[in-house]
Amino acid sequence: MRNIRLAWALLTLGVGTLALISTWMTSWRAYQFTSCETDPGSDPVACYESLLDRAGGGLIVALLLPVALCLLPVAVPRRSIAWATVGALAATAIIVFVTVGGAAVMPAVTAVLAGILAGGHTRLTTQHHAPDARHGREFLKKLHQGQQDDR
């Protein structure tokens, strides 16, 4: 169980980091990262708007909701919860695409990565852990015994 929780926690951490950076960047004015002020065909008012001004709060929800959904399998590492998370992320991507547009990339990519984790859920939960020191001592005893038998 520890491996699957770690995998989901790493996915959550990565998605959360990207979501925070993206949320921060949505507050930037368009002229800070585009060349709209030098383009003669662009609207000068739009240059001083941010993506957050244009898309509204739905954009923030679209960026942060995948983080919240990825926390579910960390808290409850069951295969059914993992697949429910994948389904919820896919539904979120569709809803976000219809309402906000391009911000649907975040939940869509997260759904693909979550699908990979959910597909490997059984393998990651049944995987044996690294041997502890007791196994190492037993191996060394057998090795030493084998060397003594060869003499």
Protein backbone atom coordinates (compact mmCIF):
# COMPACT_ATOMS: atom_id res chain seq x y z
CA MET A 1 0.00 0.00 0.00
CA ARG A 2 2.87 2.32 0.71
CA ASN A 3 4.06 2.29 -2.92
CA ILE A 4 0.70 3.25 -4.40
CA ARG A 5 0.21 6.01 -1.83
CA LEU A 6 3.64 7.36 -2.66
CA ALA A 7 2.90 7.27 -6.39
CA TRP A 8 -0.39 9.13 -5.94
CA ALA A 9 1.25 11.60 -3.55
CA LEU A 10 3.96 12.33 -6.13
CA LEU A 11 1.33 12.85 -8.82
CA THR A 12 -0.58 15.16 -6.48
CA LEU A 13 2.58 17.09 -5.67
CA GLY A 14 3.46 17.53 -9.35
CA VAL A 15 -0.05 18.54 -10.36
CA GLY A 16 -0.31 20.85 -7.35
CA THR A 17 2.97 22.58 -8.17
CA LEU A 18 1.93 23.09 -11.77
CA ALA A 19 -1.51 24.30 -10.66
CA LEU A 20 -0.03 26.88 -8.27
CA ILE A 21 2.37 28.20 -10.91
CA SER A 22 -0.42 28.32 -13.50
CA THR A 23 -2.79 30.05 -11.08
CA TRP A 24 -0.15 32.67 -10.33
CA MET A 25 0.49 33.21 -14.05
CA THR A 26 -3.21 33.70 -14.81
CA SER A 27 -3.10 36.93 -12.83
CA TRP A 28 -0.46 38.44 -15.13
CA ARG A 29 -1.60 41.03 -17.63
CA ALA A 30 -1.50 39.86 -21.26
CA TYR A 31 1.16 42.37 -22.26
CA GLN A 32 3.58 40.77 -19.79
CA PHE A 33 3.85 37.52 -21.72
CA THR A 34 2.60 38.34 -25.24
CA SER A 35 3.43 40.92 -27.84
CA CYS A 36 -0.12 42.27 -28.02
CA GLU A 37 0.98 45.87 -27.41
CA THR A 38 3.13 45.81 -30.56
CA ASP A 39 0.56 44.02 -32.74
CA PRO A 40 -1.44 46.67 -34.62
CA GLY A 41 -4.45 44.37 -34.96
CA SER A 42 -4.84 43.63 -31.25
CA ASP A 43 -7.27 45.25 -28.87
CA PRO A 44 -5.34 47.58 -26.52
CA VAL A 45 -7.83 47.00 -23.72
CA ALA A 46 -7.27 43.23 -23.93
CA CYS A 47 -3.54 43.78 -23.38
CA TYR A 48 -4.25 44.99 -19.87
CA GLU A 49 -6.56 42.10 -18.98
CA SER A 50 -5.34 38.91 -17.38
CA LEU A 51 -6.46 35.40 -18.24
CA LEU A 52 -8.23 35.38 -14.91
CA ASP A 53 -10.17 38.52 -15.91
CA ARG A 54 -11.29 36.86 -19.13
CA ALA A 55 -12.09 33.35 -17.89
CA GLY A 56 -13.21 34.12 -14.34
CA GLY A 57 -13.09 31.85 -11.33
CA GLY A 58 -13.80 28.77 -13.43
CA LEU A 59 -10.19 28.85 -14.54
CA ILE A 60 -8.95 28.60 -10.95
CA VAL A 61 -11.33 25.69 -10.29
CA ALA A 62 -10.12 23.98 -13.47
CA LEU A 63 -6.53 24.25 -12.30
CA LEU A 64 -7.01 23.27 -8.65
CA LEU A 65 -9.72 20.59 -8.90
CA PRO A 66 -7.33 17.91 -10.26
CA VAL A 67 -5.17 18.40 -7.16
CA ALA A 68 -8.12 17.76 -4.86
CA LEU A 69 -9.21 14.72 -6.86
CA CYS A 70 -5.70 13.22 -6.78
CA LEU A 71 -5.70 13.43 -2.98
CA LEU A 72 -8.52 10.87 -2.75
CA PRO A 73 -6.40 7.81 -3.66
CA VAL A 74 -3.69 9.04 -1.30
CA ALA A 75 -6.16 9.02 1.58
CA VAL A 76 -8.00 5.84 0.52
CA PRO A 77 -5.69 3.68 -1.64
CA ARG A 78 -8.28 1.34 -3.15
CA ARG A 79 -8.47 0.37 -6.79
CA SER A 80 -12.11 1.47 -7.05
CA ILE A 81 -11.23 4.92 -5.68
CA ALA A 82 -8.35 5.18 -8.16
CA TRP A 83 -10.63 4.42 -11.13
CA ALA A 84 -13.34 6.74 -9.76
CA THR A 85 -10.69 9.47 -9.63
CA VAL A 86 -9.76 8.80 -13.27
CA GLY A 87 -13.44 9.04 -14.24
CA ALA A 88 -13.92 12.24 -12.27
CA LEU A 89 -10.82 13.77 -13.89
CA ALA A 90 -12.05 12.82 -17.37
CA ALA A 91 -15.49 14.30 -16.63
CA THR A 92 -13.81 17.42 -15.25
CA ALA A 93 -11.74 17.76 -18.42
CA ILE A 94 -14.87 17.62 -20.58
CA ILE A 95 -16.78 20.11 -18.42
CA VAL A 96 -13.79 22.48 -18.26
CA PHE A 97 -13.31 22.27 -22.02
CA VAL A 98 -16.93 23.25 -22.58
CA THR A 99 -16.95 26.07 -20.02
CA VAL A 100 -13.42 27.50 -19.95
CA GLY A 101 -11.70 26.09 -23.03
CA GLY A 102 -7.95 25.59 -23.10
CA ALA A 103 -7.63 25.08 -19.35
CA ALA A 104 -8.97 21.55 -19.93
CA VAL A 105 -5.40 20.45 -20.63
CA MET A 106 -4.65 20.26 -16.91
CA PRO A 107 -7.40 17.78 -15.92
CA ALA A 108 -7.01 15.84 -19.20
CA VAL A 109 -3.29 15.21 -18.74
CA THR A 110 -3.85 14.45 -15.07
CA ALA A 111 -6.56 11.93 -16.06
CA VAL A 112 -4.10 10.15 -18.38
CA LEU A 113 -1.42 9.98 -15.67
CA ALA A 114 -3.99 8.88 -13.10
CA GLY A 115 -5.17 6.18 -15.51
CA ILE A 116 -1.64 4.83 -15.71
CA LEU A 117 -1.45 4.74 -11.91
CA ALA A 118 -4.87 3.12 -11.61
CA GLY A 119 -3.88 0.53 -14.20
CA GLY A 120 -0.78 -0.35 -12.21
CA HIS A 121 -2.57 -0.19 -8.89
CA THR A 122 -2.60 -3.94 -8.28
CA ARG A 123 1.06 -4.35 -9.20
CA LEU A 124 2.12 -1.45 -6.99
CA THR A 125 0.13 -2.67 -3.98
CA THR A 126 1.34 -6.29 -4.18
CA GLN A 127 4.96 -5.47 -4.94
CA HIS A 128 7.33 -6.82 -2.33
CA HIS A 129 9.33 -4.34 -0.33
CA ALA A 130 13.09 -4.32 -0.25
CA PRO A 131 14.52 -6.94 2.07
CA ASP A 132 15.33 -5.81 5.56
CA ALA A 133 18.57 -6.41 7.46
CA ARG A 134 17.42 -9.84 8.70
CA HIS A 135 17.28 -11.14 5.14
CA GLY A 136 20.74 -9.76 4.49
CA ARG A 137 22.19 -11.54 7.54
CA GLU A 138 20.55 -14.81 6.48
CA PHE A 139 22.03 -14.46 3.00
CA LEU A 140 25.48 -13.78 4.43
CA LYS A 141 25.21 -16.83 6.74
CA LYS A 142 24.31 -19.06 3.79
CA LEU A 143 27.13 -17.61 1.74
CA HIS A 144 29.61 -18.09 4.58
CA GLN A 145 28.31 -21.65 5.17
CA GLY A 146 28.76 -22.41 1.46
CA GLN A 147 32.35 -21.16 1.58
CA GLN A 148 33.11 -23.35 4.58
CA ASP A 149 31.59 -26.39 2.88
CA ASP A 150 33.87 -25.84 -0.13
CA ARG A 151 37.01 -26.16 2.08
